[in-house]
Amino acid sequence: MIELVSGDLEALCAEPAIVERLAAMEGERQAAVRQFILSTAAGLAAAAAAAVFLYKSGWETGAFFAFVIVAVLAGIAAFLPLNAAREGIKHPVLEALGRRAGLDYFPGDFEPPALASACDLLFGRMGFSSETYSDLFNGKDEAGHGLAVYEACLQRRAGRSTYVVFSGQIYAVQRRPGAVGETVIVPDRNLLNFWKPASEMERVPIEGDPDFDDRFEVYSTHPMEARELLFDSAFRARLLALREEGKVWLYAGPEEALVAVGGGEDRFEPGSMLRYRPGEDRVKLMFDDVCASLALLGELKAKLG
C-alpha cells in the first residue's frame, strides 16, 4: 500500500479519463435533476389520482396503500438517473485512487475480507436479513500480507421490524504468525456484559484504564494475548477516539484481524447530485475520504498485522 499525498490529487484530476468524466458529469447531472423533478411530480400526481379514485370507490385503506406504493415506486424511478450520474464519476475516481495506492478497487459484488472469521463473535450468531458490501480497497503490504477496507451495512429482523446491526467501514488485515487465540473487543453492553461471544472465552478486564473499561468489553480465549494487545496505551486511546465517532468492534484471531467502525456518513461519495458542485471538489471529497481510511488501515496494520 502506497501513501497518498496532495500531489496525487492534482495528478488524478489531470488524468485523461478523469478529465473526460468531469467534463461530461455536469451535463449528466443536470439532465438527471430535470428527470428527477419531472418523475417526482408525475409520480405524486399519479399516486394522488389513484388514491382519490379508490377513496371515492369506498376503499379507504386501499387508497392509502396505493398512494404510498405509487409514490415510493416513483421516487425510486426518479433517483435512478441521479444514481447513474453519481456512479459515473465515483467509480472511475475510486478506481484511479486505488491504483495510485497500489490497491484493487471493487464497487460491489465481492466476498468481504475477514468477516467470516469475526462476524459471529462480534455481532452474534443470528444471521442477517440483509447484507450490503461496497467500495472495497484490497491489496497487500510489503511482506505480502493482505489488507483491505470496505463499507458494510448489516441488518436483522425482529418480528415485523428491521434494525441495523452495523453500518460503517470495516478494516481487515492478515496477521503475522504468532497468535494462537481469539480476542474480541465490543462496545460496552451494560447489563448484558455477562454474555460471552463464545463459551470458551473469558472476560478480560483492563485495569488502570477506567475510560476504556467503561466503553468496551474484552473477551478472549487467551487472556494474556488480549492484555498484551491492549498493553499499548496509545492503541487504547486510538480505539477510544474511534468510539467517539461511533461504535467500534475488534476481532484478533490467529490469522486475521478485523476492526469495524460504525457511525458517520457514507464514505467515498462525490456529494449530493441534486445541487451543483465543481467536479474537482467532488474528486477532493472522495480523495480525502480515501486518504483518511487508508491512513487508519495503515495504523491498524502496524498494530494488528
C-alpha atoms as a PDB file:
ATOM      1  CA  MET A   1       0.000   0.000   0.000  1.00  0.00           C
ATOM      2  CA  ILE A   2       1.340   3.406  -1.027  1.00  0.00           C
ATOM      3  CA  GLU A   3       0.538   6.533   0.985  1.00  0.00           C
ATOM      4  CA  LEU A   4      -1.382   9.147  -0.982  1.00  0.00           C
ATOM      5  CA  VAL A   5      -0.211  12.768  -0.825  1.00  0.00           C
ATOM      6  CA  SER A   6      -1.606  16.097  -2.047  1.00  0.00           C
ATOM      7  CA  GLY A   7       0.270  15.772  -5.339  1.00  0.00           C
ATOM      8  CA  ASP A   8      -1.740  12.650  -6.106  1.00  0.00           C
ATOM      9  CA  LEU A   9      -4.933  14.734  -6.099  1.00  0.00           C
ATOM     10  CA  GLU A  10      -3.538  17.105  -8.717  1.00  0.00           C
ATOM     11  CA  ALA A  11      -2.259  14.219 -10.822  1.00  0.00           C
ATOM     12  CA  LEU A  12      -5.587  12.439 -10.526  1.00  0.00           C
ATOM     13  CA  CYS A  13      -7.548  15.453 -11.752  1.00  0.00           C
ATOM     14  CA  ALA A  14      -5.171  15.657 -14.738  1.00  0.00           C
ATOM     15  CA  GLU A  15      -5.656  12.037 -15.850  1.00  0.00           C
ATOM     16  CA  PRO A  16      -7.321  11.980 -19.292  1.00  0.00           C
ATOM     17  CA  ALA A  17     -10.049   9.554 -18.223  1.00  0.00           C
ATOM     18  CA  ILE A  18     -10.936  11.677 -15.173  1.00  0.00           C
ATOM     19  CA  VAL A  19     -10.822  14.915 -17.173  1.00  0.00           C
ATOM     20  CA  GLU A  20     -13.246  13.364 -19.644  1.00  0.00           C
ATOM     21  CA  ARG A  21     -15.610  12.228 -16.905  1.00  0.00           C
ATOM     22  CA  LEU A  22     -15.530  15.632 -15.200  1.00  0.00           C
ATOM     23  CA  ALA A  23     -16.353  17.340 -18.489  1.00  0.00           C
ATOM     24  CA  ALA A  24     -19.363  15.096 -19.080  1.00  0.00           C
ATOM     25  CA  MET A  25     -20.552  14.856 -15.470  1.00  0.00           C
ATOM     26  CA  GLU A  26     -22.255  18.239 -15.092  1.00  0.00           C
ATOM     27  CA  GLY A  27     -24.386  17.756 -18.183  1.00  0.00           C
ATOM     28  CA  GLU A  28     -25.387  14.290 -16.967  1.00  0.00           C
ATOM     29  CA  ARG A  29     -26.158  15.670 -13.514  1.00  0.00           C
ATOM     30  CA  GLN A  30     -28.365  18.466 -14.837  1.00  0.00           C
ATOM     31  CA  ALA A  31     -30.273  16.034 -17.052  1.00  0.00           C
ATOM     32  CA  ALA A  32     -30.708  13.691 -14.073  1.00  0.00           C
ATOM     33  CA  VAL A  33     -32.018  16.535 -11.898  1.00  0.00           C
ATOM     34  CA  ARG A  34     -34.564  17.503 -14.560  1.00  0.00           C
ATOM     35  CA  GLN A  35     -35.644  13.874 -14.808  1.00  0.00           C
ATOM     36  CA  PHE A  36     -35.874  13.685 -11.024  1.00  0.00           C
ATOM     37  CA  ILE A  37     -38.169  16.705 -10.838  1.00  0.00           C
ATOM     38  CA  LEU A  38     -40.414  15.512 -13.676  1.00  0.00           C
ATOM     39  CA  SER A  39     -40.608  11.925 -12.394  1.00  0.00           C
ATOM     40  CA  THR A  40     -41.332  13.066  -8.847  1.00  0.00           C
ATOM     41  CA  ALA A  41     -44.110  15.409  -9.952  1.00  0.00           C
ATOM     42  CA  ALA A  42     -45.649  12.822 -12.274  1.00  0.00           C
ATOM     43  CA  GLY A  43     -45.389  10.120  -9.636  1.00  0.00           C
ATOM     44  CA  LEU A  44     -47.061  12.205  -6.931  1.00  0.00           C
ATOM     45  CA  ALA A  45     -49.830  13.169  -9.333  1.00  0.00           C
ATOM     46  CA  ALA A  46     -50.388   9.518 -10.253  1.00  0.00           C
ATOM     47  CA  ALA A  47     -50.321   8.496  -6.586  1.00  0.00           C
ATOM     48  CA  ALA A  48     -52.870  11.159  -5.694  1.00  0.00           C
ATOM     49  CA  ALA A  49     -55.124  10.207  -8.589  1.00  0.00           C
ATOM     50  CA  ALA A  50     -55.028   6.520  -7.634  1.00  0.00           C
ATOM     51  CA  ALA A  51     -55.766   7.355  -4.001  1.00  0.00           C
ATOM     52  CA  VAL A  52     -58.722   9.618  -4.878  1.00  0.00           C
ATOM     53  CA  PHE A  53     -60.198   7.032  -7.227  1.00  0.00           C
ATOM     54  CA  LEU A  54     -60.005   4.251  -4.637  1.00  0.00           C
ATOM     55  CA  TYR A  55     -61.286   6.510  -1.853  1.00  0.00           C
ATOM     56  CA  LYS A  56     -64.326   7.508  -3.875  1.00  0.00           C
ATOM     57  CA  SER A  57     -64.890   3.831  -4.632  1.00  0.00           C
ATOM     58  CA  GLY A  58     -65.126   3.124  -0.903  1.00  0.00           C
ATOM     59  CA  TRP A  59     -61.673   1.586  -0.468  1.00  0.00           C
ATOM     60  CA  GLU A  60     -60.263   3.993   2.116  1.00  0.00           C
ATOM     61  CA  THR A  61     -57.488   1.665   3.300  1.00  0.00           C
ATOM     62  CA  GLY A  62     -56.613   0.707  -0.262  1.00  0.00           C
ATOM     63  CA  ALA A  63     -56.386   4.400  -1.174  1.00  0.00           C
ATOM     64  CA  PHE A  64     -53.728   4.985   1.464  1.00  0.00           C
ATOM     65  CA  PHE A  65     -51.627   1.980   0.419  1.00  0.00           C
ATOM     66  CA  ALA A  66     -51.998   2.830  -3.262  1.00  0.00           C
ATOM     67  CA  PHE A  67     -50.698   6.345  -2.620  1.00  0.00           C
ATOM     68  CA  VAL A  68     -47.696   5.041  -0.669  1.00  0.00           C
ATOM     69  CA  ILE A  69     -46.816   2.306  -3.197  1.00  0.00           C
ATOM     70  CA  VAL A  70     -47.087   4.537  -6.270  1.00  0.00           C
ATOM     71  CA  ALA A  71     -45.158   7.356  -4.550  1.00  0.00           C
ATOM     72  CA  VAL A  72     -42.345   5.003  -3.499  1.00  0.00           C
ATOM     73  CA  LEU A  73     -42.053   3.493  -6.983  1.00  0.00           C
ATOM     74  CA  ALA A  74     -41.976   6.982  -8.478  1.00  0.00           C
ATOM     75  CA  GLY A  75     -39.278   8.016  -6.025  1.00  0.00           C
ATOM     76  CA  ILE A  76     -37.128   5.043  -6.976  1.00  0.00           C
ATOM     77  CA  ALA A  77     -37.556   5.800 -10.661  1.00  0.00           C
ATOM     78  CA  ALA A  78     -36.693   9.453 -10.049  1.00  0.00           C
ATOM     79  CA  PHE A  79     -33.447   8.615  -8.251  1.00  0.00           C
ATOM     80  CA  LEU A  80     -32.134   6.147 -10.822  1.00  0.00           C
ATOM     81  CA  PRO A  81     -30.704   8.804 -13.196  1.00  0.00           C
ATOM     82  CA  LEU A  82     -29.142  10.651 -10.233  1.00  0.00           C
ATOM     83  CA  ASN A  83     -27.537   7.439  -9.036  1.00  0.00           C
ATOM     84  CA  ALA A  84     -26.190   6.740 -12.521  1.00  0.00           C
ATOM     85  CA  ALA A  85     -24.641  10.226 -12.643  1.00  0.00           C
ATOM     86  CA  ARG A  86     -23.126   9.699  -9.191  1.00  0.00           C
ATOM     87  CA  GLU A  87     -21.590   6.341 -10.095  1.00  0.00           C
ATOM     88  CA  GLY A  88     -20.372   7.778 -13.385  1.00  0.00           C
ATOM     89  CA  ILE A  89     -17.858   9.946 -11.538  1.00  0.00           C
ATOM     90  CA  LYS A  90     -17.446   7.943  -8.326  1.00  0.00           C
ATOM     91  CA  HIS A  91     -16.253   4.609  -9.689  1.00  0.00           C
ATOM     92  CA  PRO A  92     -13.605   5.930 -12.114  1.00  0.00           C
ATOM     93  CA  VAL A  93     -12.150   8.201  -9.411  1.00  0.00           C
ATOM     94  CA  LEU A  94     -12.022   5.482  -6.753  1.00  0.00           C
ATOM     95  CA  GLU A  95     -10.538   3.004  -9.191  1.00  0.00           C
ATOM     96  CA  ALA A  96      -7.822   5.524 -10.112  1.00  0.00           C
ATOM     97  CA  LEU A  97      -7.136   6.253  -6.425  1.00  0.00           C
ATOM     98  CA  GLY A  98      -6.840   2.544  -5.746  1.00  0.00           C
ATOM     99  CA  ARG A  99      -4.256   2.176  -8.488  1.00  0.00           C
ATOM    100  CA  ARG A 100      -2.226   5.060  -7.083  1.00  0.00           C
ATOM    101  CA  ALA A 101      -2.307   3.443  -3.641  1.00  0.00           C
ATOM    102  CA  GLY A 102      -1.349   0.035  -5.020  1.00  0.00           C
ATOM    103  CA  LEU A 103      -4.774  -1.424  -4.247  1.00  0.00           C
ATOM    104  CA  ASP A 104      -7.558  -3.007  -6.283  1.00  0.00           C
ATOM    105  CA  TYR A 105     -10.963  -1.314  -6.124  1.00  0.00           C
ATOM    106  CA  PHE A 106     -14.263  -3.203  -6.314  1.00  0.00           C
ATOM    107  CA  PRO A 107     -17.560  -1.232  -6.245  1.00  0.00           C
ATOM    108  CA  GLY A 108     -19.543  -4.267  -5.062  1.00  0.00           C
ATOM    109  CA  ASP A 109     -20.215  -7.979  -5.563  1.00  0.00           C
ATOM    110  CA  PHE A 110     -17.237  -9.212  -3.530  1.00  0.00           C
ATOM    111  CA  GLU A 111     -16.620 -11.575  -0.625  1.00  0.00           C
ATOM    112  CA  PRO A 112     -15.988  -9.359   2.448  1.00  0.00           C
ATOM    113  CA  PRO A 113     -12.409  -9.997   3.671  1.00  0.00           C
ATOM    114  CA  ALA A 114     -12.023 -11.467   7.197  1.00  0.00           C
ATOM    115  CA  LEU A 115     -15.707 -11.072   8.070  1.00  0.00           C
ATOM    116  CA  ALA A 116     -16.456 -14.796   8.061  1.00  0.00           C
ATOM    117  CA  SER A 117     -13.956 -15.358  10.887  1.00  0.00           C
ATOM    118  CA  ALA A 118     -15.162 -12.448  13.011  1.00  0.00           C
ATOM    119  CA  CYS A 119     -18.855 -11.970  12.288  1.00  0.00           C
ATOM    120  CA  ASP A 120     -20.489 -14.358  14.774  1.00  0.00           C
ATOM    121  CA  LEU A 121     -18.189 -13.343  17.618  1.00  0.00           C
ATOM    122  CA  LEU A 122     -18.705  -9.616  17.078  1.00  0.00           C
ATOM    123  CA  PHE A 123     -22.345  -9.414  16.012  1.00  0.00           C
ATOM    124  CA  GLY A 124     -23.924 -12.648  17.264  1.00  0.00           C
ATOM    125  CA  ARG A 125     -24.935 -15.869  15.555  1.00  0.00           C
ATOM    126  CA  MET A 126     -28.465 -14.966  14.466  1.00  0.00           C
ATOM    127  CA  GLY A 127     -27.630 -14.202  10.846  1.00  0.00           C
ATOM    128  CA  PHE A 128     -28.760 -11.166   8.889  1.00  0.00           C
ATOM    129  CA  SER A 129     -31.857 -10.355   6.904  1.00  0.00           C
ATOM    130  CA  SER A 130     -29.831  -8.037   4.678  1.00  0.00           C
ATOM    131  CA  GLU A 131     -26.088  -7.704   3.970  1.00  0.00           C
ATOM    132  CA  THR A 132     -24.707  -4.956   1.737  1.00  0.00           C
ATOM    133  CA  TYR A 133     -20.997  -4.546   0.965  1.00  0.00           C
ATOM    134  CA  SER A 134     -19.482  -1.835  -1.209  1.00  0.00           C
ATOM    135  CA  ASP A 135     -16.335   0.101  -2.091  1.00  0.00           C
ATOM    136  CA  LEU A 136     -13.621  -2.443  -1.354  1.00  0.00           C
ATOM    137  CA  PHE A 137      -9.968  -1.401  -1.488  1.00  0.00           C
ATOM    138  CA  ASN A 138      -7.937  -4.594  -1.339  1.00  0.00           C
ATOM    139  CA  GLY A 139      -4.209  -5.345  -1.582  1.00  0.00           C
ATOM    140  CA  LYS A 140      -1.071  -6.487   0.223  1.00  0.00           C
ATOM    141  CA  ASP A 141       1.626  -4.872   2.352  1.00  0.00           C
ATOM    142  CA  GLU A 142       5.374  -5.048   1.749  1.00  0.00           C
ATOM    143  CA  ALA A 143       5.544  -8.507   3.329  1.00  0.00           C
ATOM    144  CA  GLY A 144       2.757  -9.860   1.154  1.00  0.00           C
ATOM    145  CA  HIS A 145       0.102  -9.861   3.893  1.00  0.00           C
ATOM    146  CA  GLY A 146      -3.410  -8.974   2.816  1.00  0.00           C
ATOM    147  CA  LEU A 147      -5.160  -5.778   3.901  1.00  0.00           C
ATOM    148  CA  ALA A 148      -8.491  -4.227   2.973  1.00  0.00           C
ATOM    149  CA  VAL A 149     -11.080  -1.610   3.806  1.00  0.00           C
ATOM    150  CA  TYR A 150     -14.707  -1.642   2.682  1.00  0.00           C
ATOM    151  CA  GLU A 151     -18.158  -0.458   3.655  1.00  0.00           C
ATOM    152  CA  ALA A 152     -20.863  -2.689   5.079  1.00  0.00           C
ATOM    153  CA  CYS A 153     -24.478  -2.463   6.203  1.00  0.00           C
ATOM    154  CA  LEU A 154     -25.825  -5.434   8.170  1.00  0.00           C
ATOM    155  CA  GLN A 155     -29.489  -5.686   9.168  1.00  0.00           C
ATOM    156  CA  ARG A 156     -31.673  -8.086  11.144  1.00  0.00           C
ATOM    157  CA  ARG A 157     -35.388  -8.594  11.507  1.00  0.00           C
ATOM    158  CA  ALA A 158     -37.192  -8.586  14.825  1.00  0.00           C
ATOM    159  CA  GLY A 159     -40.785  -9.567  14.196  1.00  0.00           C
ATOM    160  CA  ARG A 160     -42.057  -7.190  11.546  1.00  0.00           C
ATOM    161  CA  SER A 161     -39.349  -4.620  12.146  1.00  0.00           C
ATOM    162  CA  THR A 162     -35.874  -4.370  10.682  1.00  0.00           C
ATOM    163  CA  TYR A 163     -32.967  -2.813  12.539  1.00  0.00           C
ATOM    164  CA  VAL A 164     -29.385  -2.018  11.629  1.00  0.00           C
ATOM    165  CA  VAL A 165     -26.784  -4.136  13.425  1.00  0.00           C
ATOM    166  CA  PHE A 166     -23.833  -2.386  11.818  1.00  0.00           C
ATOM    167  CA  SER A 167     -23.311   0.348   9.263  1.00  0.00           C
ATOM    168  CA  GLY A 168     -19.870   1.758   8.580  1.00  0.00           C
ATOM    169  CA  GLN A 169     -16.407   0.783   7.482  1.00  0.00           C
ATOM    170  CA  ILE A 170     -14.590  -2.495   8.047  1.00  0.00           C
ATOM    171  CA  TYR A 171     -10.796  -2.749   8.146  1.00  0.00           C
ATOM    172  CA  ALA A 172      -9.223  -6.193   7.651  1.00  0.00           C
ATOM    173  CA  VAL A 173      -5.591  -7.300   7.890  1.00  0.00           C
ATOM    174  CA  GLN A 174      -3.815 -10.616   7.581  1.00  0.00           C
ATOM    175  CA  ARG A 175      -1.743 -11.245  10.714  1.00  0.00           C
ATOM    176  CA  ARG A 176       1.836 -12.322  11.155  1.00  0.00           C
ATOM    177  CA  PRO A 177       2.299 -15.798  12.706  1.00  0.00           C
ATOM    178  CA  GLY A 178       2.387 -15.917  16.484  1.00  0.00           C
ATOM    179  CA  ALA A 179      -1.095 -15.517  17.944  1.00  0.00           C
ATOM    180  CA  VAL A 180      -2.970 -18.679  18.893  1.00  0.00           C
ATOM    181  CA  GLY A 181      -6.157 -17.370  20.496  1.00  0.00           C
ATOM    182  CA  GLU A 182      -9.131 -15.245  19.531  1.00  0.00           C
ATOM    183  CA  THR A 183      -9.806 -11.890  21.148  1.00  0.00           C
ATOM    184  CA  VAL A 184     -12.829  -9.654  20.629  1.00  0.00           C
ATOM    185  CA  ILE A 185     -13.487  -6.112  21.775  1.00  0.00           C
ATOM    186  CA  VAL A 186     -17.110  -4.984  21.647  1.00  0.00           C
ATOM    187  CA  PRO A 187     -18.978  -1.883  22.815  1.00  0.00           C
ATOM    188  CA  ASP A 188     -19.985  -1.999  26.471  1.00  0.00           C
ATOM    189  CA  ARG A 189     -23.386  -3.685  26.853  1.00  0.00           C
ATOM    190  CA  ASN A 190     -24.144  -2.627  30.425  1.00  0.00           C
ATOM    191  CA  LEU A 191     -26.376  -5.301  31.986  1.00  0.00           C
ATOM    192  CA  LEU A 192     -25.631  -7.786  29.195  1.00  0.00           C
ATOM    193  CA  ASN A 193     -21.895  -7.879  29.879  1.00  0.00           C
ATOM    194  CA  PHE A 194     -22.302 -11.323  31.424  1.00  0.00           C
ATOM    195  CA  TRP A 195     -22.957 -12.686  27.907  1.00  0.00           C
ATOM    196  CA  LYS A 196     -19.822 -14.109  26.280  1.00  0.00           C
ATOM    197  CA  PRO A 197     -19.379 -14.236  22.484  1.00  0.00           C
ATOM    198  CA  ALA A 198     -18.310 -17.909  22.809  1.00  0.00           C
ATOM    199  CA  SER A 199     -18.369 -20.344  25.695  1.00  0.00           C
ATOM    200  CA  GLU A 200     -14.603 -20.844  25.647  1.00  0.00           C
ATOM    201  CA  MET A 201     -13.925 -17.114  26.009  1.00  0.00           C
ATOM    202  CA  GLU A 202     -13.204 -15.275  29.239  1.00  0.00           C
ATOM    203  CA  ARG A 203     -13.996 -11.673  30.068  1.00  0.00           C
ATOM    204  CA  VAL A 204     -10.750  -9.708  30.357  1.00  0.00           C
ATOM    205  CA  PRO A 205     -10.924  -6.535  32.471  1.00  0.00           C
ATOM    206  CA  ILE A 206      -8.473  -3.781  31.505  1.00  0.00           C
ATOM    207  CA  GLU A 207      -7.192  -2.480  34.808  1.00  0.00           C
ATOM    208  CA  GLY A 208      -5.761   1.002  35.141  1.00  0.00           C
ATOM    209  CA  ASP A 209      -7.809   2.475  32.274  1.00  0.00           C
ATOM    210  CA  PRO A 210     -11.346   3.156  33.565  1.00  0.00           C
ATOM    211  CA  ASP A 211     -12.322   5.115  30.426  1.00  0.00           C
ATOM    212  CA  PHE A 212     -11.536   2.147  28.185  1.00  0.00           C
ATOM    213  CA  ASP A 213     -13.144  -0.316  30.601  1.00  0.00           C
ATOM    214  CA  ASP A 214     -16.319   1.793  30.649  1.00  0.00           C
ATOM    215  CA  ARG A 215     -16.646   1.963  26.861  1.00  0.00           C
ATOM    216  CA  PHE A 216     -15.562  -1.552  25.835  1.00  0.00           C
ATOM    217  CA  GLU A 217     -15.809  -5.170  26.865  1.00  0.00           C
ATOM    218  CA  VAL A 218     -12.922  -7.531  26.084  1.00  0.00           C
ATOM    219  CA  TYR A 219     -13.212 -11.317  25.761  1.00  0.00           C
ATOM    220  CA  SER A 220     -10.562 -13.820  24.774  1.00  0.00           C
ATOM    221  CA  THR A 221      -9.715 -17.495  24.585  1.00  0.00           C
ATOM    222  CA  HIS A 222      -6.192 -16.467  25.675  1.00  0.00           C
ATOM    223  CA  PRO A 223      -6.490 -13.569  28.153  1.00  0.00           C
ATOM    224  CA  MET A 224      -2.732 -12.987  28.161  1.00  0.00           C
ATOM    225  CA  GLU A 225      -2.820 -12.259  24.430  1.00  0.00           C
ATOM    226  CA  ALA A 226      -5.642  -9.785  24.985  1.00  0.00           C
ATOM    227  CA  ARG A 227      -3.689  -7.999  27.708  1.00  0.00           C
ATOM    228  CA  GLU A 228      -0.586  -7.879  25.519  1.00  0.00           C
ATOM    229  CA  LEU A 229      -2.618  -6.422  22.658  1.00  0.00           C
ATOM    230  CA  LEU A 230      -4.091  -3.706  24.878  1.00  0.00           C
ATOM    231  CA  PHE A 231      -0.952  -3.019  26.926  1.00  0.00           C
ATOM    232  CA  ASP A 232      -0.233  -0.217  24.430  1.00  0.00           C
ATOM    233  CA  SER A 233      -1.956   2.859  25.901  1.00  0.00           C
ATOM    234  CA  ALA A 234      -1.739   4.681  22.543  1.00  0.00           C
ATOM    235  CA  PHE A 235      -3.711   1.882  20.872  1.00  0.00           C
ATOM    236  CA  ARG A 236      -6.366   2.024  23.585  1.00  0.00           C
ATOM    237  CA  ALA A 237      -6.563   5.786  23.116  1.00  0.00           C
ATOM    238  CA  ARG A 238      -6.986   5.317  19.366  1.00  0.00           C
ATOM    239  CA  LEU A 239      -9.878   2.914  19.879  1.00  0.00           C
ATOM    240  CA  LEU A 240     -11.469   5.377  22.299  1.00  0.00           C
ATOM    241  CA  ALA A 241     -11.098   8.165  19.732  1.00  0.00           C
ATOM    242  CA  LEU A 242     -12.830   5.989  17.127  1.00  0.00           C
ATOM    243  CA  ARG A 243     -15.515   5.207  19.696  1.00  0.00           C
ATOM    244  CA  GLU A 244     -16.330   8.922  19.860  1.00  0.00           C
ATOM    245  CA  GLU A 245     -17.336   8.731  16.195  1.00  0.00           C
ATOM    246  CA  GLY A 246     -19.483   5.610  16.598  1.00  0.00           C
ATOM    247  CA  LYS A 247     -19.455   2.076  17.925  1.00  0.00           C
ATOM    248  CA  VAL A 248     -16.287   0.021  17.415  1.00  0.00           C
ATOM    249  CA  TRP A 249     -15.795  -3.738  17.244  1.00  0.00           C
ATOM    250  CA  LEU A 250     -12.446  -5.558  17.011  1.00  0.00           C
ATOM    251  CA  TYR A 251     -11.536  -9.161  16.297  1.00  0.00           C
ATOM    252  CA  ALA A 252      -7.985 -10.508  16.516  1.00  0.00           C
ATOM    253  CA  GLY A 253      -7.518 -14.162  15.595  1.00  0.00           C
ATOM    254  CA  PRO A 254      -4.554 -16.358  14.738  1.00  0.00           C
ATOM    255  CA  GLU A 255      -4.633 -15.459  11.032  1.00  0.00           C
ATOM    256  CA  GLU A 256      -6.837 -12.397  10.583  1.00  0.00           C
ATOM    257  CA  ALA A 257      -7.821  -9.229  12.387  1.00  0.00           C
ATOM    258  CA  LEU A 258     -10.826  -7.025  11.724  1.00  0.00           C
ATOM    259  CA  VAL A 259     -11.939  -3.650  13.061  1.00  0.00           C
ATOM    260  CA  ALA A 260     -15.482  -2.422  12.353  1.00  0.00           C
ATOM    261  CA  VAL A 261     -16.100   1.296  12.846  1.00  0.00           C
ATOM    262  CA  GLY A 262     -19.745   2.303  12.768  1.00  0.00           C
ATOM    263  CA  GLY A 263     -21.482   5.640  12.548  1.00  0.00           C
ATOM    264  CA  GLY A 264     -20.880   8.716  10.450  1.00  0.00           C
ATOM    265  CA  GLU A 265     -21.854   9.419   6.871  1.00  0.00           C
ATOM    266  CA  ASP A 266     -21.178   7.179   3.894  1.00  0.00           C
ATOM    267  CA  ARG A 267     -17.572   7.459   2.790  1.00  0.00           C
ATOM    268  CA  PHE A 268     -16.138   7.633  -0.727  1.00  0.00           C
ATOM    269  CA  GLU A 269     -19.066   9.649  -2.098  1.00  0.00           C
ATOM    270  CA  PRO A 270     -18.944  12.616  -4.536  1.00  0.00           C
ATOM    271  CA  GLY A 271     -21.584  14.627  -2.679  1.00  0.00           C
ATOM    272  CA  SER A 272     -25.235  15.266  -3.466  1.00  0.00           C
ATOM    273  CA  MET A 273     -26.058  15.251  -7.153  1.00  0.00           C
ATOM    274  CA  LEU A 274     -29.113  17.434  -6.617  1.00  0.00           C
ATOM    275  CA  ARG A 275     -27.033  20.595  -6.364  1.00  0.00           C
ATOM    276  CA  TYR A 276     -24.116  21.985  -8.312  1.00  0.00           C
ATOM    277  CA  ARG A 277     -20.597  21.391  -7.061  1.00  0.00           C
ATOM    278  CA  PRO A 278     -17.412  21.801  -9.123  1.00  0.00           C
ATOM    279  CA  GLY A 279     -16.160  18.448 -10.355  1.00  0.00           C
ATOM    280  CA  GLU A 280     -12.745  18.966  -8.774  1.00  0.00           C
ATOM    281  CA  ASP A 281     -14.436  19.494  -5.389  1.00  0.00           C
ATOM    282  CA  ARG A 282     -16.249  16.192  -5.779  1.00  0.00           C
ATOM    283  CA  VAL A 283     -12.957  14.462  -6.537  1.00  0.00           C
ATOM    284  CA  LYS A 284     -11.395  16.054  -3.450  1.00  0.00           C
ATOM    285  CA  LEU A 285     -14.248  14.779  -1.249  1.00  0.00           C
ATOM    286  CA  MET A 286     -13.508  11.225  -2.337  1.00  0.00           C
ATOM    287  CA  PHE A 287      -9.749  11.750  -2.194  1.00  0.00           C
ATOM    288  CA  ASP A 288      -9.931  12.963   1.421  1.00  0.00           C
ATOM    289  CA  ASP A 289     -12.120  10.030   2.450  1.00  0.00           C
ATOM    290  CA  VAL A 290      -9.782   7.523   0.838  1.00  0.00           C
ATOM    291  CA  CYS A 291      -6.714   9.135   2.432  1.00  0.00           C
ATOM    292  CA  ALA A 292      -8.312   9.053   5.892  1.00  0.00           C
ATOM    293  CA  SER A 293      -9.418   5.423   5.531  1.00  0.00           C
ATOM    294  CA  LEU A 294      -6.066   4.221   4.211  1.00  0.00           C
ATOM    295  CA  ALA A 295      -4.240   6.090   6.986  1.00  0.00           C
ATOM    296  CA  LEU A 296      -6.346   4.278   9.586  1.00  0.00           C
ATOM    297  CA  LEU A 297      -5.833   0.991   7.753  1.00  0.00           C
ATOM    298  CA  GLY A 298      -2.087   1.586   7.972  1.00  0.00           C
ATOM    299  CA  GLU A 299      -2.309   2.233  11.718  1.00  0.00           C
ATOM    300  CA  LEU A 300      -4.296  -0.933  12.311  1.00  0.00           C
ATOM    301  CA  LYS A 301      -1.981  -2.994  10.109  1.00  0.00           C
ATOM    302  CA  ALA A 302       1.036  -1.801  12.100  1.00  0.00           C
ATOM    303  CA  LYS A 303      -0.616  -2.873  15.359  1.00  0.00           C
ATOM    304  CA  LEU A 304      -2.593  -5.959  14.371  1.00  0.00           C
ATOM    305  CA  GLY A 305      -0.804  -7.230  11.266  1.00  0.00           C
END
